[in-house]
Amino acid sequence: SNKKKSLLEDFRELRCTIEKMGLLRPDYLFFF
């Protein structure tokens, strides 16, 4: 009840966008 539904929906949409863009895939050369 203390959270805004629109904010949660925006956050989940942002996460899906980030995953589709491949931004969460690790760069092995960088970490090496």
PDB file of all heavy atoms in Angstrom:
ATOM      1  N   SER A   1       0.812  -1.218   0.000  1.00  0.00           N
ATOM      2  CA  SER A   1       0.000   0.000   0.000  1.00  0.00           C
ATOM      3  C   SER A   1       0.843   1.264   0.000  1.00  0.00           C
ATOM      4  O   SER A   1       0.377   2.322  -0.429  1.00  0.00           O
ATOM      5  CB  SER A   1      -0.934   0.004   1.224  1.00  0.00           C
ATOM      6  OG  SER A   1      -0.174  -0.084   2.428  1.00  0.00           O
ATOM      7  N   ASN A   2       2.085   1.155   0.482  1.00  0.00           N
ATOM      8  CA  ASN A   2       2.951   2.335   0.530  1.00  0.00           C
ATOM      9  C   ASN A   2       3.774   2.507  -0.742  1.00  0.00           C
ATOM     10  O   ASN A   2       4.665   3.351  -0.803  1.00  0.00           O
ATOM     11  CB  ASN A   2       3.891   2.239   1.744  1.00  0.00           C
ATOM     12  CG  ASN A   2       4.791   1.026   1.683  1.00  0.00           C
ATOM     13  OD1 ASN A   2       4.493   0.061   0.982  1.00  0.00           O
ATOM     14  ND2 ASN A   2       5.890   1.066   2.419  1.00  0.00           N
ATOM     15  N   LYS A   3       3.491   1.700  -1.780  1.00  0.00           N
ATOM     16  CA  LYS A   3       4.209   1.799  -3.043  1.00  0.00           C
ATOM     17  C   LYS A   3       3.244   2.212  -4.157  1.00  0.00           C
ATOM     18  O   LYS A   3       2.066   1.867  -4.123  1.00  0.00           O
ATOM     19  CB  LYS A   3       4.861   0.458  -3.399  1.00  0.00           C
ATOM     20  CG  LYS A   3       5.936   0.021  -2.421  1.00  0.00           C
ATOM     21  CD  LYS A   3       6.551  -1.301  -2.841  1.00  0.00           C
ATOM     22  CE  LYS A   3       7.634  -1.736  -1.865  1.00  0.00           C
ATOM     23  NZ  LYS A   3       8.225  -3.039  -2.258  1.00  0.00           N
ATOM     24  N   LYS A   4       3.770   2.933  -5.136  1.00  0.00           N
ATOM     25  CA  LYS A   4       2.967   3.388  -6.256  1.00  0.00           C
ATOM     26  C   LYS A   4       2.988   2.351  -7.373  1.00  0.00           C
ATOM     27  O   LYS A   4       4.055   1.900  -7.800  1.00  0.00           O
ATOM     28  CB  LYS A   4       3.494   4.724  -6.779  1.00  0.00           C
ATOM     29  CG  LYS A   4       3.338   5.874  -5.792  1.00  0.00           C
ATOM     30  CD  LYS A   4       3.829   7.177  -6.406  1.00  0.00           C
ATOM     31  CE  LYS A   4       3.666   8.343  -5.444  1.00  0.00           C
ATOM     32  NZ  LYS A   4       4.134   9.615  -6.032  1.00  0.00           N
ATOM     33  N   LYS A   5       1.802   1.965  -7.834  1.00  0.00           N
ATOM     34  CA  LYS A   5       1.706   0.957  -8.880  1.00  0.00           C
ATOM     35  C   LYS A   5       2.403   1.417 -10.164  1.00  0.00           C
ATOM     36  O   LYS A   5       3.095   0.633 -10.815  1.00  0.00           O
ATOM     37  CB  LYS A   5       0.235   0.646  -9.171  1.00  0.00           C
ATOM     38  CG  LYS A   5       0.034  -0.443 -10.211  1.00  0.00           C
ATOM     39  CD  LYS A   5      -1.435  -0.724 -10.446  1.00  0.00           C
ATOM     40  CE  LYS A   5      -1.615  -1.807 -11.505  1.00  0.00           C
ATOM     41  NZ  LYS A   5      -3.050  -2.104 -11.760  1.00  0.00           N
ATOM     42  N   SER A   6       2.225   2.682 -10.525  1.00  0.00           N
ATOM     43  CA  SER A   6       2.836   3.193 -11.756  1.00  0.00           C
ATOM     44  C   SER A   6       4.355   3.138 -11.692  1.00  0.00           C
ATOM     45  O   SER A   6       5.028   2.836 -12.686  1.00  0.00           O
ATOM     46  CB  SER A   6       2.381   4.630 -12.014  1.00  0.00           C
ATOM     47  OG  SER A   6       2.732   5.475 -10.928  1.00  0.00           O
ATOM     48  N   LEU A   7       4.919   3.399 -10.504  1.00  0.00           N
ATOM     49  CA  LEU A   7       6.370   3.358 -10.339  1.00  0.00           C
ATOM     50  C   LEU A   7       6.893   1.934 -10.482  1.00  0.00           C
ATOM     51  O   LEU A   7       7.936   1.697 -11.113  1.00  0.00           O
ATOM     52  CB  LEU A   7       6.758   3.933  -8.977  1.00  0.00           C
ATOM     53  CG  LEU A   7       8.260   4.062  -8.686  1.00  0.00           C
ATOM     54  CD1 LEU A   7       8.907   4.992  -9.698  1.00  0.00           C
ATOM     55  CD2 LEU A   7       8.488   4.574  -7.275  1.00  0.00           C
ATOM     56  N   LEU A   8       6.169   0.975  -9.906  1.00  0.00           N
ATOM     57  CA  LEU A   8       6.570  -0.427 -10.022  1.00  0.00           C
ATOM     58  C   LEU A   8       6.519  -0.893 -11.475  1.00  0.00           C
ATOM     59  O   LEU A   8       7.418  -1.596 -11.947  1.00  0.00           O
ATOM     60  CB  LEU A   8       5.653  -1.309  -9.163  1.00  0.00           C
ATOM     61  CG  LEU A   8       5.877  -1.262  -7.652  1.00  0.00           C
ATOM     62  CD1 LEU A   8       4.828  -2.111  -6.941  1.00  0.00           C
ATOM     63  CD2 LEU A   8       7.272  -1.746  -7.295  1.00  0.00           C
ATOM     64  N   GLU A   9       5.464  -0.492 -12.183  1.00  0.00           N
ATOM     65  CA  GLU A   9       5.328  -0.886 -13.587  1.00  0.00           C
ATOM     66  C   GLU A   9       6.441  -0.279 -14.435  1.00  0.00           C
ATOM     67  O   GLU A   9       6.980  -0.940 -15.330  1.00  0.00           O
ATOM     68  CB  GLU A   9       3.956  -0.462 -14.104  1.00  0.00           C
ATOM     69  CG  GLU A   9       2.801  -1.235 -13.480  1.00  0.00           C
ATOM     70  CD  GLU A   9       1.458  -0.723 -13.929  1.00  0.00           C
ATOM     71  OE1 GLU A   9       1.408   0.398 -14.498  1.00  0.00           O
ATOM     72  OE2 GLU A   9       0.444  -1.417 -13.710  1.00  0.00           O
ATOM     73  N   ASP A  10       6.803   0.967 -14.152  1.00  0.00           N
ATOM     74  CA  ASP A  10       7.893   1.613 -14.889  1.00  0.00           C
ATOM     75  C   ASP A  10       9.221   0.902 -14.624  1.00  0.00           C
ATOM     76  O   ASP A  10      10.038   0.720 -15.530  1.00  0.00           O
ATOM     77  CB  ASP A  10       8.007   3.083 -14.494  1.00  0.00           C
ATOM     78  CG  ASP A  10       6.869   3.917 -15.039  1.00  0.00           C
ATOM     79  OD1 ASP A  10       6.169   3.437 -15.949  1.00  0.00           O
ATOM     80  OD2 ASP A  10       6.663   5.044 -14.545  1.00  0.00           O
ATOM     81  N   PHE A  11       9.422   0.504 -13.368  1.00  0.00           N
ATOM     82  CA  PHE A  11      10.662  -0.182 -13.002  1.00  0.00           C
ATOM     83  C   PHE A  11      10.768  -1.528 -13.723  1.00  0.00           C
ATOM     84  O   PHE A  11      11.831  -1.883 -14.261  1.00  0.00           O
ATOM     85  CB  PHE A  11      10.724  -0.392 -11.490  1.00  0.00           C
ATOM     86  CG  PHE A  11      11.840  -1.287 -11.045  1.00  0.00           C
ATOM     87  CD1 PHE A  11      13.145  -0.820 -10.979  1.00  0.00           C
ATOM     88  CD2 PHE A  11      11.595  -2.612 -10.704  1.00  0.00           C
ATOM     89  CE1 PHE A  11      14.178  -1.651 -10.576  1.00  0.00           C
ATOM     90  CE2 PHE A  11      12.628  -3.447 -10.302  1.00  0.00           C
ATOM     91  CZ  PHE A  11      13.915  -2.965 -10.236  1.00  0.00           C
ATOM     92  N   ARG A  12       9.671  -2.275 -13.738  1.00  0.00           N
ATOM     93  CA  ARG A  12       9.690  -3.586 -14.392  1.00  0.00           C
ATOM     94  C   ARG A  12       9.871  -3.454 -15.905  1.00  0.00           C
ATOM     95  O   ARG A  12      10.544  -4.276 -16.530  1.00  0.00           O
ATOM     96  CB  ARG A  12       8.401  -4.338 -14.058  1.00  0.00           C
ATOM     97  CG  ARG A  12       8.326  -4.731 -12.578  1.00  0.00           C
ATOM     98  CD  ARG A  12       6.976  -5.286 -12.182  1.00  0.00           C
ATOM     99  NE  ARG A  12       6.942  -5.579 -10.751  1.00  0.00           N
ATOM    100  CZ  ARG A  12       5.859  -5.995 -10.096  1.00  0.00           C
ATOM    101  NH1 ARG A  12       4.717  -6.171 -10.762  1.00  0.00           N
ATOM    102  NH2 ARG A  12       5.922  -6.246  -8.801  1.00  0.00           N
ATOM    103  N   GLU A  13       9.287  -2.422 -16.487  1.00  0.00           N
ATOM    104  CA  GLU A  13       9.466  -2.186 -17.918  1.00  0.00           C
ATOM    105  C   GLU A  13      10.922  -1.822 -18.216  1.00  0.00           C
ATOM    106  O   GLU A  13      11.493  -2.264 -19.228  1.00  0.00           O
ATOM    107  CB  GLU A  13       8.538  -1.066 -18.381  1.00  0.00           C
ATOM    108  CG  GLU A  13       8.618  -0.785 -19.874  1.00  0.00           C
ATOM    109  CD  GLU A  13       7.678   0.325 -20.323  1.00  0.00           C
ATOM    110  OE1 GLU A  13       6.875   0.793 -19.481  1.00  0.00           O
ATOM    111  OE2 GLU A  13       7.760   0.726 -21.492  1.00  0.00           O
ATOM    112  N   LEU A  14      11.520  -1.033 -17.342  1.00  0.00           N
ATOM    113  CA  LEU A  14      12.919  -0.660 -17.514  1.00  0.00           C
ATOM    114  C   LEU A  14      13.819  -1.881 -17.437  1.00  0.00           C
ATOM    115  O   LEU A  14      14.757  -2.028 -18.232  1.00  0.00           O
ATOM    116  CB  LEU A  14      13.321   0.358 -16.438  1.00  0.00           C
ATOM    117  CG  LEU A  14      14.796   0.768 -16.406  1.00  0.00           C
ATOM    118  CD1 LEU A  14      15.202   1.436 -17.711  1.00  0.00           C
ATOM    119  CD2 LEU A  14      15.068   1.682 -15.217  1.00  0.00           C
ATOM    120  N   ARG A  15      13.552  -2.767 -16.504  1.00  0.00           N
ATOM    121  CA  ARG A  15      14.360  -3.979 -16.369  1.00  0.00           C
ATOM    122  C   ARG A  15      14.262  -4.844 -17.624  1.00  0.00           C
ATOM    123  O   ARG A  15      15.275  -5.357 -18.113  1.00  0.00           O
ATOM    124  CB  ARG A  15      13.937  -4.781 -15.143  1.00  0.00           C
ATOM    125  CG  ARG A  15      14.763  -6.050 -14.964  1.00  0.00           C
ATOM    126  CD  ARG A  15      14.339  -6.864 -13.764  1.00  0.00           C
ATOM    127  NE  ARG A  15      15.138  -8.075 -13.699  1.00  0.00           N
ATOM    128  CZ  ARG A  15      16.326  -8.173 -13.114  1.00  0.00           C
ATOM    129  NH1 ARG A  15      16.856  -7.119 -12.527  1.00  0.00           N
ATOM    130  NH2 ARG A  15      16.990  -9.325 -13.104  1.00  0.00           N
ATOM    131  N   CYS A  16      13.056  -5.003 -18.152  1.00  0.00           N
ATOM    132  CA  CYS A  16      12.873  -5.793 -19.379  1.00  0.00           C
ATOM    133  C   CYS A  16      13.642  -5.181 -20.540  1.00  0.00           C
ATOM    134  O   CYS A  16      14.258  -5.902 -21.340  1.00  0.00           O
ATOM    135  CB  CYS A  16      11.387  -5.888 -19.727  1.00  0.00           C
ATOM    136  SG  CYS A  16      10.431  -6.917 -18.594  1.00  0.00           S
ATOM    137  N   THR A  17      13.629  -3.856 -20.625  1.00  0.00           N
ATOM    138  CA  THR A  17      14.358  -3.171 -21.688  1.00  0.00           C
ATOM    139  C   THR A  17      15.859  -3.405 -21.562  1.00  0.00           C
ATOM    140  O   THR A  17      16.548  -3.659 -22.560  1.00  0.00           O
ATOM    141  CB  THR A  17      14.065  -1.659 -21.659  1.00  0.00           C
ATOM    142  OG1 THR A  17      12.661  -1.446 -21.785  1.00  0.00           O
ATOM    143  CG2 THR A  17      14.794  -0.936 -22.783  1.00  0.00           C
ATOM    144  N   ILE A  18      16.364  -3.319 -20.342  1.00  0.00           N
ATOM    145  CA  ILE A  18      17.792  -3.526 -20.098  1.00  0.00           C
ATOM    146  C   ILE A  18      18.203  -4.949 -20.462  1.00  0.00           C
ATOM    147  O   ILE A  18      19.259  -5.181 -21.054  1.00  0.00           O
ATOM    148  CB  ILE A  18      18.123  -3.223 -18.624  1.00  0.00           C
ATOM    149  CG1 ILE A  18      18.002  -1.716 -18.361  1.00  0.00           C
ATOM    150  CG2 ILE A  18      19.523  -3.712 -18.268  1.00  0.00           C
ATOM    151  CD1 ILE A  18      18.188  -1.334 -16.921  1.00  0.00           C
ATOM    152  N   GLU A  19      17.358  -5.931 -20.111  1.00  0.00           N
ATOM    153  CA  GLU A  19      17.671  -7.320 -20.434  1.00  0.00           C
ATOM    154  C   GLU A  19      17.679  -7.546 -21.944  1.00  0.00           C
ATOM    155  O   GLU A  19      18.540  -8.255 -22.475  1.00  0.00           O
ATOM    156  CB  GLU A  19      16.662  -8.244 -19.756  1.00  0.00           C
ATOM    157  CG  GLU A  19      16.826  -8.314 -18.238  1.00  0.00           C
ATOM    158  CD  GLU A  19      15.786  -9.210 -17.600  1.00  0.00           C
ATOM    159  OE1 GLU A  19      14.755  -9.496 -18.271  1.00  0.00           O
ATOM    160  OE2 GLU A  19      15.986  -9.632 -16.449  1.00  0.00           O
ATOM    161  N   LYS A  20      16.700  -6.958 -22.661  1.00  0.00           N
ATOM    162  CA  LYS A  20      16.635  -7.126 -24.108  1.00  0.00           C
ATOM    163  C   LYS A  20      17.828  -6.483 -24.806  1.00  0.00           C
ATOM    164  O   LYS A  20      18.289  -6.975 -25.844  1.00  0.00           O
ATOM    165  CB  LYS A  20      15.333  -6.518 -24.632  1.00  0.00           C
ATOM    166  CG  LYS A  20      14.084  -7.285 -24.228  1.00  0.00           C
ATOM    167  CD  LYS A  20      12.834  -6.613 -24.756  1.00  0.00           C
ATOM    168  CE  LYS A  20      11.585  -7.378 -24.335  1.00  0.00           C
ATOM    169  NZ  LYS A  20      10.335  -6.709 -24.819  1.00  0.00           N
ATOM    170  N   MET A  21      18.334  -5.391 -24.237  1.00  0.00           N
ATOM    171  CA  MET A  21      19.496  -4.710 -24.818  1.00  0.00           C
ATOM    172  C   MET A  21      20.800  -5.447 -24.522  1.00  0.00           C
ATOM    173  O   MET A  21      21.848  -5.103 -25.068  1.00  0.00           O
ATOM    174  CB  MET A  21      19.577  -3.278 -24.286  1.00  0.00           C
ATOM    175  CG  MET A  21      18.435  -2.380 -24.737  1.00  0.00           C
ATOM    176  SD  MET A  21      18.511  -0.733 -23.966  1.00  0.00           S
ATOM    177  CE  MET A  21      20.058  -0.120 -24.655  1.00  0.00           C
ATOM    178  N   GLY A  22      20.726  -6.440 -23.645  1.00  0.00           N
ATOM    179  CA  GLY A  22      21.917  -7.215 -23.317  1.00  0.00           C
ATOM    180  C   GLY A  22      22.878  -6.530 -22.377  1.00  0.00           C
ATOM    181  O   GLY A  22      24.051  -6.914 -22.290  1.00  0.00           O
ATOM    182  N   LEU A  23      22.400  -5.531 -21.652  1.00  0.00           N
ATOM    183  CA  LEU A  23      23.283  -4.779 -20.757  1.00  0.00           C
ATOM    184  C   LEU A  23      23.680  -5.562 -19.515  1.00  0.00           C
ATOM    185  O   LEU A  23      24.614  -5.163 -18.809  1.00  0.00           O
ATOM    186  CB  LEU A  23      22.603  -3.468 -20.352  1.00  0.00           C
ATOM    187  CG  LEU A  23      22.288  -2.498 -21.495  1.00  0.00           C
ATOM    188  CD1 LEU A  23      21.632  -1.235 -20.949  1.00  0.00           C
ATOM    189  CD2 LEU A  23      23.555  -2.145 -22.272  1.00  0.00           C
ATOM    190  N   LEU A  24      22.980  -6.657 -19.229  1.00  0.00           N
ATOM    191  CA  LEU A  24      23.306  -7.465 -18.059  1.00  0.00           C
ATOM    192  C   LEU A  24      24.247  -8.619 -18.391  1.00  0.00           C
ATOM    193  O   LEU A  24      24.647  -9.360 -17.495  1.00  0.00           O
ATOM    194  CB  LEU A  24      22.023  -8.016 -17.419  1.00  0.00           C
ATOM    195  CG  LEU A  24      21.042  -6.976 -16.885  1.00  0.00           C
ATOM    196  CD1 LEU A  24      19.833  -7.654 -16.243  1.00  0.00           C
ATOM    197  CD2 LEU A  24      21.706  -6.044 -15.882  1.00  0.00           C
ATOM    198  N   ARG A  25      24.595  -8.760 -19.668  1.00  0.00           N
ATOM    199  CA  ARG A  25      25.533  -9.823 -20.049  1.00  0.00           C
ATOM    200  C   ARG A  25      26.954  -9.391 -19.693  1.00  0.00           C
ATOM    201  O   ARG A  25      27.378  -8.272 -20.013  1.00  0.00           O
ATOM    202  CB  ARG A  25      25.431 -10.117 -21.545  1.00  0.00           C
ATOM    203  CG  ARG A  25      24.158 -10.852 -21.929  1.00  0.00           C
ATOM    204  CD  ARG A  25      24.288 -11.463 -23.317  1.00  0.00           C
ATOM    205  NE  ARG A  25      24.399 -10.439 -24.350  1.00  0.00           N
ATOM    206  CZ  ARG A  25      23.364  -9.961 -25.040  1.00  0.00           C
ATOM    207  NH1 ARG A  25      22.138 -10.402 -24.786  1.00  0.00           N
ATOM    208  NH2 ARG A  25      23.540  -9.033 -25.971  1.00  0.00           N
ATOM    209  N   PRO A  26      27.721 -10.260 -19.037  1.00  0.00           N
ATOM    210  CA  PRO A  26      29.082  -9.874 -18.592  1.00  0.00           C
ATOM    211  C   PRO A  26      30.064  -9.765 -19.750  1.00  0.00           C
ATOM    212  O   PRO A  26      29.966 -10.479 -20.748  1.00  0.00           O
ATOM    213  CB  PRO A  26      29.471 -11.024 -17.652  1.00  0.00           C
ATOM    214  CG  PRO A  26      28.675 -12.193 -18.146  1.00  0.00           C
ATOM    215  CD  PRO A  26      27.368 -11.627 -18.624  1.00  0.00           C
ATOM    216  N   ASP A  27      31.018  -8.859 -19.595  1.00  0.00           N
ATOM    217  CA  ASP A  27      32.104  -8.682 -20.554  1.00  0.00           C
ATOM    218  C   ASP A  27      33.345  -9.330 -19.943  1.00  0.00           C
ATOM    219  O   ASP A  27      34.000  -8.756 -19.069  1.00  0.00           O
ATOM    220  CB  ASP A  27      32.344  -7.191 -20.812  1.00  0.00           C
ATOM    221  CG  ASP A  27      33.372  -6.940 -21.909  1.00  0.00           C
ATOM    222  OD1 ASP A  27      34.178  -7.846 -22.178  1.00  0.00           O
ATOM    223  OD2 ASP A  27      33.365  -5.843 -22.490  1.00  0.00           O
ATOM    224  N   TYR A  28      33.682 -10.546 -20.380  1.00  0.00           N
ATOM    225  CA  TYR A  28      34.758 -11.308 -19.765  1.00  0.00           C
ATOM    226  C   TYR A  28      36.116 -10.631 -19.926  1.00  0.00           C
ATOM    227  O   TYR A  28      36.936 -10.664 -19.003  1.00  0.00           O
ATOM    228  CB  TYR A  28      34.796 -12.719 -20.357  1.00  0.00           C
ATOM    229  CG  TYR A  28      33.573 -13.539 -20.039  1.00  0.00           C
ATOM    230  CD1 TYR A  28      32.749 -14.000 -21.058  1.00  0.00           C
ATOM    231  CD2 TYR A  28      33.249 -13.858 -18.725  1.00  0.00           C
ATOM    232  CE1 TYR A  28      31.616 -14.755 -20.763  1.00  0.00           C
ATOM    233  CE2 TYR A  28      32.123 -14.600 -18.420  1.00  0.00           C
ATOM    234  CZ  TYR A  28      31.310 -15.050 -19.448  1.00  0.00           C
ATOM    235  OH  TYR A  28      30.204 -15.781 -19.144  1.00  0.00           O
ATOM    236  N   LEU A  29      36.368 -10.011 -21.081  1.00  0.00           N
ATOM    237  CA  LEU A  29      37.647  -9.342 -21.297  1.00  0.00           C
ATOM    238  C   LEU A  29      37.819  -8.184 -20.321  1.00  0.00           C
ATOM    239  O   LEU A  29      38.903  -7.991 -19.754  1.00  0.00           O
ATOM    240  CB  LEU A  29      37.742  -8.837 -22.737  1.00  0.00           C
ATOM    241  CG  LEU A  29      39.013  -8.042 -23.093  1.00  0.00           C
ATOM    242  CD1 LEU A  29      40.253  -8.915 -22.876  1.00  0.00           C
ATOM    243  CD2 LEU A  29      38.949  -7.525 -24.516  1.00  0.00           C
ATOM    244  N   PHE A  30      36.753  -7.427 -20.112  1.00  0.00           N
ATOM    245  CA  PHE A  30      36.814  -6.285 -19.195  1.00  0.00           C
ATOM    246  C   PHE A  30      37.169  -6.745 -17.784  1.00  0.00           C
ATOM    247  O   PHE A  30      38.077  -6.191 -17.141  1.00  0.00           O
ATOM    248  CB  PHE A  30      35.470  -5.556 -19.194  1.00  0.00           C
ATOM    249  CG  PHE A  30      35.337  -4.516 -18.125  1.00  0.00           C
ATOM    250  CD1 PHE A  30      35.922  -3.268 -18.260  1.00  0.00           C
ATOM    251  CD2 PHE A  30      34.629  -4.784 -16.953  1.00  0.00           C
ATOM    252  CE1 PHE A  30      35.810  -2.307 -17.266  1.00  0.00           C
ATOM    253  CE2 PHE A  30      34.508  -3.837 -15.956  1.00  0.00           C
ATOM    254  CZ  PHE A  30      35.101  -2.593 -16.110  1.00  0.00           C
ATOM    255  N   PHE A  31      36.483  -7.773 -17.290  1.00  0.00           N
ATOM    256  CA  PHE A  31      36.732  -8.227 -15.923  1.00  0.00           C
ATOM    257  C   PHE A  31      38.092  -8.920 -15.800  1.00  0.00           C
ATOM    258  O   PHE A  31      38.717  -8.868 -14.735  1.00  0.00           O
ATOM    259  CB  PHE A  31      35.608  -9.161 -15.467  1.00  0.00           C
ATOM    260  CG  PHE A  31      34.334  -8.438 -15.141  1.00  0.00           C
ATOM    261  CD1 PHE A  31      33.197  -8.616 -15.908  1.00  0.00           C
ATOM    262  CD2 PHE A  31      34.266  -7.570 -14.060  1.00  0.00           C
ATOM    263  CE1 PHE A  31      32.019  -7.950 -15.606  1.00  0.00           C
ATOM    264  CE2 PHE A  31      33.096  -6.899 -13.748  1.00  0.00           C
ATOM    265  CZ  PHE A  31      31.969  -7.087 -14.526  1.00  0.00           C
ATOM    266  N   PHE A  32      38.537  -9.563 -16.886  1.00  0.00           N
ATOM    267  CA  PHE A  32      39.875 -10.173 -16.854  1.00  0.00           C
ATOM    268  C   PHE A  32      40.940  -9.100 -16.695  1.00  0.00           C
ATOM    269  O   PHE A  32      41.884  -9.243 -15.900  1.00  0.00           O
ATOM    270  CB  PHE A  32      40.116 -10.971 -18.134  1.00  0.00           C
ATOM    271  CG  PHE A  32      41.537 -11.447 -18.278  1.00  0.00           C
ATOM    272  CD1 PHE A  32      42.010 -12.513 -17.531  1.00  0.00           C
ATOM    273  CD2 PHE A  32      42.406 -10.801 -19.163  1.00  0.00           C
ATOM    274  CE1 PHE A  32      43.339 -12.940 -17.657  1.00  0.00           C
ATOM    275  CE2 PHE A  32      43.716 -11.224 -19.296  1.00  0.00           C
ATOM    276  CZ  PHE A  32      44.183 -12.297 -18.538  1.00  0.00           C
TER     277      PHE A  32
END
